[in-house]
């Protein structure tokens, strides 16, 4: 876990990226354009599922960073494998 300032910077960056990804998704979905560029990535209408995955991942990252800012810890997944002895 980083300092509050670093977390705020990461959160601001992820929010900007999420906003850009949502705008790209709506532009592609609306049919106004056939392709869209975010930075160095070019997306075409056929890349809507990839863009949906990007939006979902960014939303999770934003939620995690907001949780860290509010005093919570980063979420951690733990797997359990049952064994028959």
PDB file of N, CA and C in Angstrom:
ATOM      1  N   UNK A   1       0.847  -1.172   0.000  1.00  0.00           N
ATOM      2  CA  UNK A   1       0.000   0.000   0.000  1.00  0.00           C
ATOM      3  C   UNK A   1       0.890   1.231   0.000  1.00  0.00           C
ATOM      4  N   UNK A   2       0.558   2.217  -0.817  1.00  0.00           N
ATOM      5  CA  UNK A   2       1.355   3.417  -0.927  1.00  0.00           C
ATOM      6  C   UNK A   2       0.840   4.517  -0.030  1.00  0.00           C
ATOM      7  N   UNK A   3       1.508   5.638  -0.134  1.00  0.00           N
ATOM      8  CA  UNK A   3       1.064   6.783   0.649  1.00  0.00           C
ATOM      9  C   UNK A   3      -0.238   7.322   0.067  1.00  0.00           C
ATOM     10  N   UNK A   4      -0.904   8.138   0.817  1.00  0.00           N
ATOM     11  CA  UNK A   4      -2.177   8.710   0.378  1.00  0.00           C
ATOM     12  C   UNK A   4      -2.011   9.497  -0.920  1.00  0.00           C
ATOM     13  N   UNK A   5      -0.907  10.218  -1.044  1.00  0.00           N
ATOM     14  CA  UNK A   5      -0.677  11.034  -2.240  1.00  0.00           C
ATOM     15  C   UNK A   5      -0.530  10.158  -3.490  1.00  0.00           C
ATOM     16  N   UNK A   6       0.199   9.070  -3.362  1.00  0.00           N
ATOM     17  CA  UNK A   6       0.389   8.163  -4.493  1.00  0.00           C
ATOM     18  C   UNK A   6      -0.935   7.515  -4.872  1.00  0.00           C
ATOM     19  N   UNK A   7      -1.707   7.131  -3.880  1.00  0.00           N
ATOM     20  CA  UNK A   7      -3.007   6.516  -4.142  1.00  0.00           C
ATOM     21  C   UNK A   7      -3.918   7.516  -4.845  1.00  0.00           C
ATOM     22  N   UNK A   8      -3.905   8.767  -4.425  1.00  0.00           N
ATOM     23  CA  UNK A   8      -4.730   9.799  -5.071  1.00  0.00           C
ATOM     24  C   UNK A   8      -4.324   9.998  -6.527  1.00  0.00           C
ATOM     25  N   UNK A   9      -3.008   9.996  -6.799  1.00  0.00           N
ATOM     26  CA  UNK A   9      -2.525  10.143  -8.172  1.00  0.00           C
ATOM     27  C   UNK A   9      -2.975   8.966  -9.035  1.00  0.00           C
ATOM     28  N   UNK A  10      -2.845   7.765  -8.500  1.00  0.00           N
ATOM     29  CA  UNK A  10      -3.279   6.576  -9.239  1.00  0.00           C
ATOM     30  C   UNK A  10      -4.777   6.608  -9.494  1.00  0.00           C
ATOM     31  N   UNK A  11      -5.532   7.035  -8.490  1.00  0.00           N
ATOM     32  CA  UNK A  11      -6.979   7.107  -8.612  1.00  0.00           C
ATOM     33  C   UNK A  11      -7.376   8.121  -9.680  1.00  0.00           C
ATOM     34  N   UNK A  12      -6.743   9.279  -9.681  1.00  0.00           N
ATOM     35  CA  UNK A  12      -7.050  10.310 -10.685  1.00  0.00           C
ATOM     36  C   UNK A  12      -6.740   9.792 -12.092  1.00  0.00           C
ATOM     37  N   UNK A  13      -5.617   9.096 -12.237  1.00  0.00           N
ATOM     38  CA  UNK A  13      -5.237   8.537 -13.538  1.00  0.00           C
ATOM     39  C   UNK A  13      -6.250   7.500 -14.005  1.00  0.00           C
ATOM     40  N   UNK A  14      -6.634   6.587 -13.110  1.00  0.00           N
ATOM     41  CA  UNK A  14      -7.588   5.533 -13.469  1.00  0.00           C
ATOM     42  C   UNK A  14      -8.959   6.128 -13.800  1.00  0.00           C
ATOM     43  N   UNK A  15      -9.346   7.179 -13.097  1.00  0.00           N
ATOM     44  CA  UNK A  15     -10.634   7.821 -13.396  1.00  0.00           C
ATOM     45  C   UNK A  15     -10.620   8.450 -14.781  1.00  0.00           C
ATOM     46  N   UNK A  16      -9.498   9.107 -15.149  1.00  0.00           N
ATOM     47  CA  UNK A  16      -9.386   9.683 -16.495  1.00  0.00           C
ATOM     48  C   UNK A  16      -9.430   8.589 -17.555  1.00  0.00           C
ATOM     49  N   UNK A  17      -8.719   7.491 -17.305  1.00  0.00           N
ATOM     50  CA  UNK A  17      -8.707   6.380 -18.254  1.00  0.00           C
ATOM     51  C   UNK A  17     -10.099   5.766 -18.384  1.00  0.00           C
ATOM     52  N   UNK A  18     -10.800   5.621 -17.262  1.00  0.00           N
ATOM     53  CA  UNK A  18     -12.149   5.064 -17.274  1.00  0.00           C
ATOM     54  C   UNK A  18     -13.097   5.971 -18.059  1.00  0.00           C
ATOM     55  N   UNK A  19     -12.981   7.269 -17.872  1.00  0.00           N
ATOM     56  CA  UNK A  19     -13.827   8.218 -18.598  1.00  0.00           C
ATOM     57  C   UNK A  19     -13.574   8.110 -20.097  1.00  0.00           C
ATOM     58  N   UNK A  20     -12.300   8.042 -20.508  1.00  0.00           N
ATOM     59  CA  UNK A  20     -11.959   7.920 -21.926  1.00  0.00           C
ATOM     60  C   UNK A  20     -12.475   6.609 -22.508  1.00  0.00           C
ATOM     61  N   UNK A  21     -12.361   5.522 -21.744  1.00  0.00           N
ATOM     62  CA  UNK A  21     -12.831   4.220 -22.220  1.00  0.00           C
ATOM     63  C   UNK A  21     -14.349   4.221 -22.370  1.00  0.00           C
ATOM     64  N   UNK A  22     -15.044   4.843 -21.450  1.00  0.00           N
ATOM     65  CA  UNK A  22     -16.512   4.907 -21.544  1.00  0.00           C
ATOM     66  C   UNK A  22     -16.948   5.744 -22.738  1.00  0.00           C
ATOM     67  N   UNK A  23     -16.249   6.867 -22.982  1.00  0.00           N
ATOM     68  CA  UNK A  23     -16.567   7.702 -24.139  1.00  0.00           C
ATOM     69  C   UNK A  23     -16.327   6.938 -25.440  1.00  0.00           C
ATOM     70  N   UNK A  24     -15.229   6.198 -25.500  1.00  0.00           N
ATOM     71  CA  UNK A  24     -14.925   5.404 -26.688  1.00  0.00           C
ATOM     72  C   UNK A  24     -15.994   4.344 -26.901  1.00  0.00           C
ATOM     73  N   UNK A  25     -16.415   3.698 -25.835  1.00  0.00           N
ATOM     74  CA  UNK A  25     -17.433   2.651 -25.926  1.00  0.00           C
ATOM     75  C   UNK A  25     -18.742   3.222 -26.457  1.00  0.00           C
ATOM     76  N   UNK A  26     -19.163   4.361 -25.908  1.00  0.00           N
ATOM     77  CA  UNK A  26     -20.416   4.967 -26.361  1.00  0.00           C
ATOM     78  C   UNK A  26     -20.332   5.418 -27.811  1.00  0.00           C
ATOM     79  N   UNK A  27     -19.172   5.946 -28.216  1.00  0.00           N
ATOM     80  CA  UNK A  27     -19.005   6.374 -29.601  1.00  0.00           C
ATOM     81  C   UNK A  27     -19.076   5.183 -30.553  1.00  0.00           C
ATOM     82  N   UNK A  28     -18.440   4.085 -30.191  1.00  0.00           N
ATOM     83  CA  UNK A  28     -18.476   2.889 -31.032  1.00  0.00           C
ATOM     84  C   UNK A  28     -19.856   2.254 -31.029  1.00  0.00           C
ATOM     85  N   UNK A  29     -20.489   2.237 -29.879  1.00  0.00           N
ATOM     86  CA  UNK A  29     -21.802   1.609 -29.746  1.00  0.00           C
ATOM     87  C   UNK A  29     -22.868   2.385 -30.512  1.00  0.00           C
ATOM     88  N   UNK A  30     -22.745   3.703 -30.477  1.00  0.00           N
ATOM     89  CA  UNK A  30     -23.725   4.545 -31.152  1.00  0.00           C
ATOM     90  C   UNK A  30     -23.637   4.487 -32.662  1.00  0.00           C
ATOM     91  N   UNK A  31     -22.559   3.935 -33.185  1.00  0.00           N
ATOM     92  CA  UNK A  31     -22.411   3.820 -34.626  1.00  0.00           C
ATOM     93  C   UNK A  31     -21.928   5.084 -35.290  1.00  0.00           C
ATOM     94  N   UNK A  32     -21.621   6.100 -34.502  1.00  0.00           N
ATOM     95  CA  UNK A  32     -21.133   7.345 -35.071  1.00  0.00           C
ATOM     96  C   UNK A  32     -19.761   7.195 -35.704  1.00  0.00           C
ATOM     97  N   UNK A  33     -18.988   6.262 -35.200  1.00  0.00           N
ATOM     98  CA  UNK A  33     -17.657   6.009 -35.736  1.00  0.00           C
ATOM     99  C   UNK A  33     -17.461   4.498 -35.850  1.00  0.00           C
ATOM    100  N   UNK A  34     -16.544   4.108 -36.702  1.00  0.00           N
ATOM    101  CA  UNK A  34     -16.233   2.688 -36.859  1.00  0.00           C
ATOM    102  C   UNK A  34     -14.980   2.302 -36.089  1.00  0.00           C
ATOM    103  N   UNK A  35     -14.174   3.305 -35.721  1.00  0.00           N
ATOM    104  CA  UNK A  35     -12.980   3.025 -34.920  1.00  0.00           C
ATOM    105  C   UNK A  35     -12.730   4.208 -34.004  1.00  0.00           C
ATOM    106  N   UNK A  36     -11.925   3.974 -32.974  1.00  0.00           N
ATOM    107  CA  UNK A  36     -11.664   4.990 -31.968  1.00  0.00           C
ATOM    108  C   UNK A  36     -10.267   4.766 -31.444  1.00  0.00           C
ATOM    109  N   UNK A  37      -9.564   5.845 -31.124  1.00  0.00           N
ATOM    110  CA  UNK A  37      -8.196   5.724 -30.615  1.00  0.00           C
ATOM    111  C   UNK A  37      -8.112   6.282 -29.207  1.00  0.00           C
ATOM    112  N   UNK A  38      -7.460   5.501 -28.316  1.00  0.00           N
ATOM    113  CA  UNK A  38      -7.155   5.953 -26.963  1.00  0.00           C
ATOM    114  C   UNK A  38      -5.642   5.819 -26.830  1.00  0.00           C
ATOM    115  N   UNK A  39      -4.971   6.940 -26.839  1.00  0.00           N
ATOM    116  CA  UNK A  39      -3.508   6.898 -26.784  1.00  0.00           C
ATOM    117  C   UNK A  39      -2.967   6.197 -28.005  1.00  0.00           C
ATOM    118  N   UNK A  40      -2.219   5.140 -27.801  1.00  0.00           N
ATOM    119  CA  UNK A  40      -1.623   4.409 -28.918  1.00  0.00           C
ATOM    120  C   UNK A  40      -2.484   3.236 -29.369  1.00  0.00           C
ATOM    121  N   UNK A  41      -3.576   2.961 -28.656  1.00  0.00           N
ATOM    122  CA  UNK A  41      -4.448   1.839 -29.023  1.00  0.00           C
ATOM    123  C   UNK A  41      -5.548   2.305 -29.965  1.00  0.00           C
ATOM    124  N   UNK A  42      -5.763   1.554 -31.006  1.00  0.00           N
ATOM    125  CA  UNK A  42      -6.864   1.816 -31.924  1.00  0.00           C
ATOM    126  C   UNK A  42      -7.879   0.695 -31.778  1.00  0.00           C
ATOM    127  N   UNK A  43      -9.137   1.063 -31.588  1.00  0.00           N
ATOM    128  CA  UNK A  43     -10.203   0.086 -31.416  1.00  0.00           C
ATOM    129  C   UNK A  43     -11.179   0.203 -32.571  1.00  0.00           C
ATOM    130  N   UNK A  44     -11.638  -0.920 -33.056  1.00  0.00           N
ATOM    131  CA  UNK A  44     -12.653  -0.921 -34.101  1.00  0.00           C
ATOM    132  C   UNK A  44     -13.955  -1.430 -33.513  1.00  0.00           C
ATOM    133  N   UNK A  45     -14.988  -1.344 -34.291  1.00  0.00           N
ATOM    134  CA  UNK A  45     -16.313  -1.757 -33.819  1.00  0.00           C
ATOM    135  C   UNK A  45     -16.306  -3.201 -33.327  1.00  0.00           C
ATOM    136  N   UNK A  46     -15.463  -4.028 -33.897  1.00  0.00           N
ATOM    137  CA  UNK A  46     -15.402  -5.423 -33.488  1.00  0.00           C
ATOM    138  C   UNK A  46     -14.713  -5.610 -32.145  1.00  0.00           C
ATOM    139  N   UNK A  47     -14.062  -4.568 -31.641  1.00  0.00           N
ATOM    140  CA  UNK A  47     -13.347  -4.656 -30.370  1.00  0.00           C
ATOM    141  C   UNK A  47     -14.200  -4.260 -29.170  1.00  0.00           C
ATOM    142  N   UNK A  48     -15.513  -4.190 -29.324  1.00  0.00           N
ATOM    143  CA  UNK A  48     -16.371  -3.815 -28.203  1.00  0.00           C
ATOM    144  C   UNK A  48     -16.191  -4.722 -26.990  1.00  0.00           C
ATOM    145  N   UNK A  49     -16.084  -6.036 -27.148  1.00  0.00           N
ATOM    146  CA  UNK A  49     -15.865  -6.883 -25.971  1.00  0.00           C
ATOM    147  C   UNK A  49     -14.554  -6.561 -25.246  1.00  0.00           C
ATOM    148  N   UNK A  50     -13.505  -6.260 -25.990  1.00  0.00           N
ATOM    149  CA  UNK A  50     -12.236  -5.896 -25.366  1.00  0.00           C
ATOM    150  C   UNK A  50     -12.379  -4.586 -24.599  1.00  0.00           C
ATOM    151  N   UNK A  51     -13.124  -3.656 -25.168  1.00  0.00           N
ATOM    152  CA  UNK A  51     -13.351  -2.376 -24.494  1.00  0.00           C
ATOM    153  C   UNK A  51     -14.205  -2.562 -23.248  1.00  0.00           C
ATOM    154  N   UNK A  52     -15.182  -3.465 -23.296  1.00  0.00           N
ATOM    155  CA  UNK A  52     -15.990  -3.764 -22.114  1.00  0.00           C
ATOM    156  C   UNK A  52     -15.119  -4.342 -20.997  1.00  0.00           C
ATOM    157  N   UNK A  53     -14.196  -5.217 -21.353  1.00  0.00           N
ATOM    158  CA  UNK A  53     -13.282  -5.794 -20.362  1.00  0.00           C
ATOM    159  C   UNK A  53     -12.388  -4.723 -19.747  1.00  0.00           C
ATOM    160  N   UNK A  54     -11.932  -3.785 -20.576  1.00  0.00           N
ATOM    161  CA  UNK A  54     -11.104  -2.688 -20.077  1.00  0.00           C
ATOM    162  C   UNK A  54     -11.880  -1.835 -19.090  1.00  0.00           C
ATOM    163  N   UNK A  55     -13.120  -1.525 -19.424  1.00  0.00           N
ATOM    164  CA  UNK A  55     -13.961  -0.710 -18.535  1.00  0.00           C
ATOM    165  C   UNK A  55     -14.191  -1.437 -17.213  1.00  0.00           C
ATOM    166  N   UNK A  56     -14.496  -2.719 -17.268  1.00  0.00           N
ATOM    167  CA  UNK A  56     -14.727  -3.502 -16.052  1.00  0.00           C
ATOM    168  C   UNK A  56     -13.481  -3.522 -15.174  1.00  0.00           C
ATOM    169  N   UNK A  57     -12.309  -3.728 -15.796  1.00  0.00           N
ATOM    170  CA  UNK A  57     -11.051  -3.763 -15.041  1.00  0.00           C
ATOM    171  C   UNK A  57     -10.770  -2.410 -14.396  1.00  0.00           C
ATOM    172  N   UNK A  58     -10.982  -1.326 -15.140  1.00  0.00           N
ATOM    173  CA  UNK A  58     -10.744   0.006 -14.590  1.00  0.00           C
ATOM    174  C   UNK A  58     -11.707   0.321 -13.452  1.00  0.00           C
ATOM    175  N   UNK A  59     -12.962  -0.102 -13.575  1.00  0.00           N
ATOM    176  CA  UNK A  59     -13.922   0.125 -12.501  1.00  0.00           C
ATOM    177  C   UNK A  59     -13.486  -0.588 -11.223  1.00  0.00           C
ATOM    178  N   UNK A  60     -12.989  -1.810 -11.360  1.00  0.00           N
ATOM    179  CA  UNK A  60     -12.503  -2.546 -10.190  1.00  0.00           C
ATOM    180  C   UNK A  60     -11.294  -1.859  -9.571  1.00  0.00           C
ATOM    181  N   UNK A  61     -10.390  -1.360 -10.410  1.00  0.00           N
ATOM    182  CA  UNK A  61      -9.212  -0.670  -9.893  1.00  0.00           C
ATOM    183  C   UNK A  61      -9.594   0.614  -9.167  1.00  0.00           C
ATOM    184  N   UNK A  62     -10.557   1.362  -9.733  1.00  0.00           N
ATOM    185  CA  UNK A  62     -11.020   2.596  -9.088  1.00  0.00           C
ATOM    186  C   UNK A  62     -11.661   2.265  -7.738  1.00  0.00           C
ATOM    187  N   UNK A  63     -12.497   1.234  -7.696  1.00  0.00           N
ATOM    188  CA  UNK A  63     -13.127   0.829  -6.441  1.00  0.00           C
ATOM    189  C   UNK A  63     -12.080   0.444  -5.396  1.00  0.00           C
ATOM    190  N   UNK A  64     -11.070  -0.292  -5.821  1.00  0.00           N
ATOM    191  CA  UNK A  64     -10.013  -0.719  -4.900  1.00  0.00           C
ATOM    192  C   UNK A  64      -9.239   0.478  -4.354  1.00  0.00           C
ATOM    193  N   UNK A  65      -8.886   1.413  -5.231  1.00  0.00           N
ATOM    194  CA  UNK A  65      -8.137   2.592  -4.783  1.00  0.00           C
ATOM    195  C   UNK A  65      -8.979   3.468  -3.868  1.00  0.00           C
ATOM    196  N   UNK A  66     -10.275   3.603  -4.169  1.00  0.00           N
ATOM    197  CA  UNK A  66     -11.153   4.378  -3.287  1.00  0.00           C
ATOM    198  C   UNK A  66     -11.255   3.718  -1.922  1.00  0.00           C
ATOM    199  N   UNK A  67     -11.277   2.394  -1.899  1.00  0.00           N
ATOM    200  CA  UNK A  67     -11.294   1.671  -0.628  1.00  0.00           C
ATOM    201  C   UNK A  67     -10.031   1.899   0.168  1.00  0.00           C
ATOM    202  N   UNK A  68      -8.890   1.939  -0.505  1.00  0.00           N
ATOM    203  CA  UNK A  68      -7.626   2.195   0.175  1.00  0.00           C
ATOM    204  C   UNK A  68      -7.592   3.604   0.751  1.00  0.00           C
ATOM    205  N   UNK A  69      -8.155   4.562   0.018  1.00  0.00           N
ATOM    206  CA  UNK A  69      -8.181   5.945   0.511  1.00  0.00           C
ATOM    207  C   UNK A  69      -9.076   6.085   1.742  1.00  0.00           C
ATOM    208  N   UNK A  70     -10.136   5.282   1.798  1.00  0.00           N
ATOM    209  CA  UNK A  70     -11.050   5.405   2.933  1.00  0.00           C
ATOM    210  C   UNK A  70     -10.577   4.599   4.143  1.00  0.00           C
ATOM    211  N   UNK A  71      -9.382   4.057   4.065  1.00  0.00           N
ATOM    212  CA  UNK A  71      -8.815   3.377   5.221  1.00  0.00           C
ATOM    213  C   UNK A  71      -8.850   1.869   5.158  1.00  0.00           C
ATOM    214  N   UNK A  72      -9.457   1.339   4.117  1.00  0.00           N
ATOM    215  CA  UNK A  72      -9.512  -0.106   3.983  1.00  0.00           C
ATOM    216  C   UNK A  72      -8.225  -0.658   3.397  1.00  0.00           C
ATOM    217  N   UNK A  73      -8.105  -1.948   3.399  1.00  0.00           N
ATOM    218  CA  UNK A  73      -6.941  -2.585   2.803  1.00  0.00           C
ATOM    219  C   UNK A  73      -7.284  -3.046   1.392  1.00  0.00           C
ATOM    220  N   UNK A  74      -6.257  -3.289   0.613  1.00  0.00           N
ATOM    221  CA  UNK A  74      -6.469  -3.818  -0.728  1.00  0.00           C
ATOM    222  C   UNK A  74      -7.127  -5.185  -0.617  1.00  0.00           C
ATOM    223  N   UNK A  75      -8.046  -5.465  -1.538  1.00  0.00           N
ATOM    224  CA  UNK A  75      -8.735  -6.756  -1.499  1.00  0.00           C
ATOM    225  C   UNK A  75      -7.775  -7.847  -1.927  1.00  0.00           C
ATOM    226  N   UNK A  76      -7.907  -8.979  -1.294  1.00  0.00           N
ATOM    227  CA  UNK A  76      -7.020 -10.092  -1.570  1.00  0.00           C
ATOM    228  C   UNK A  76      -7.861 -11.342  -1.758  1.00  0.00           C
ATOM    229  N   UNK A  77      -7.644 -12.028  -2.861  1.00  0.00           N
ATOM    230  CA  UNK A  77      -8.377 -13.266  -3.118  1.00  0.00           C
ATOM    231  C   UNK A  77      -7.538 -14.443  -2.631  1.00  0.00           C
ATOM    232  N   UNK A  78      -8.199 -15.368  -1.977  1.00  0.00           N
ATOM    233  CA  UNK A  78      -7.536 -16.552  -1.466  1.00  0.00           C
ATOM    234  C   UNK A  78      -8.308 -17.765  -1.945  1.00  0.00           C
ATOM    235  N   UNK A  79      -7.597 -18.728  -2.485  1.00  0.00           N
ATOM    236  CA  UNK A  79      -8.242 -19.938  -2.951  1.00  0.00           C
ATOM    237  C   UNK A  79      -8.020 -21.083  -1.997  1.00  0.00           C
ATOM    238  N   UNK A  80      -9.014 -21.933  -1.847  1.00  0.00           N
ATOM    239  CA  UNK A  80      -8.927 -23.093  -0.981  1.00  0.00           C
ATOM    240  C   UNK A  80      -9.216 -24.327  -1.820  1.00  0.00           C
ATOM    241  N   UNK A  81      -8.359 -25.321  -1.710  1.00  0.00           N
ATOM    242  CA  UNK A  81      -8.554 -26.565  -2.442  1.00  0.00           C
ATOM    243  C   UNK A  81      -8.880 -27.654  -1.429  1.00  0.00           C
ATOM    244  N   UNK A  82     -10.125 -28.163  -1.467  1.00  0.00           N
ATOM    245  CA  UNK A  82     -10.465 -29.229  -0.510  1.00  0.00           C
ATOM    246  C   UNK A  82      -9.743 -30.524  -0.888  1.00  0.00           C
ATOM    247  N   UNK A  83      -9.296 -31.232   0.124  1.00  0.00           N
ATOM    248  CA  UNK A  83      -8.598 -32.502  -0.073  1.00  0.00           C
ATOM    249  C   UNK A  83      -9.301 -33.591   0.691  1.00  0.00           C
ATOM    250  N   UNK A  84      -9.329 -34.744   0.099  1.00  0.00           N
ATOM    251  CA  UNK A  84      -9.913 -35.900   0.750  1.00  0.00           C
ATOM    252  C   UNK A  84      -8.776 -36.715   1.342  1.00  0.00           C
ATOM    253  N   UNK A  85      -8.706 -36.799   2.651  1.00  0.00           N
ATOM    254  CA  UNK A  85      -7.583 -37.489   3.312  1.00  0.00           C
ATOM    255  C   UNK A  85      -7.793 -38.935   3.428  1.00  0.00           C
TER     256      UNK A  85
END
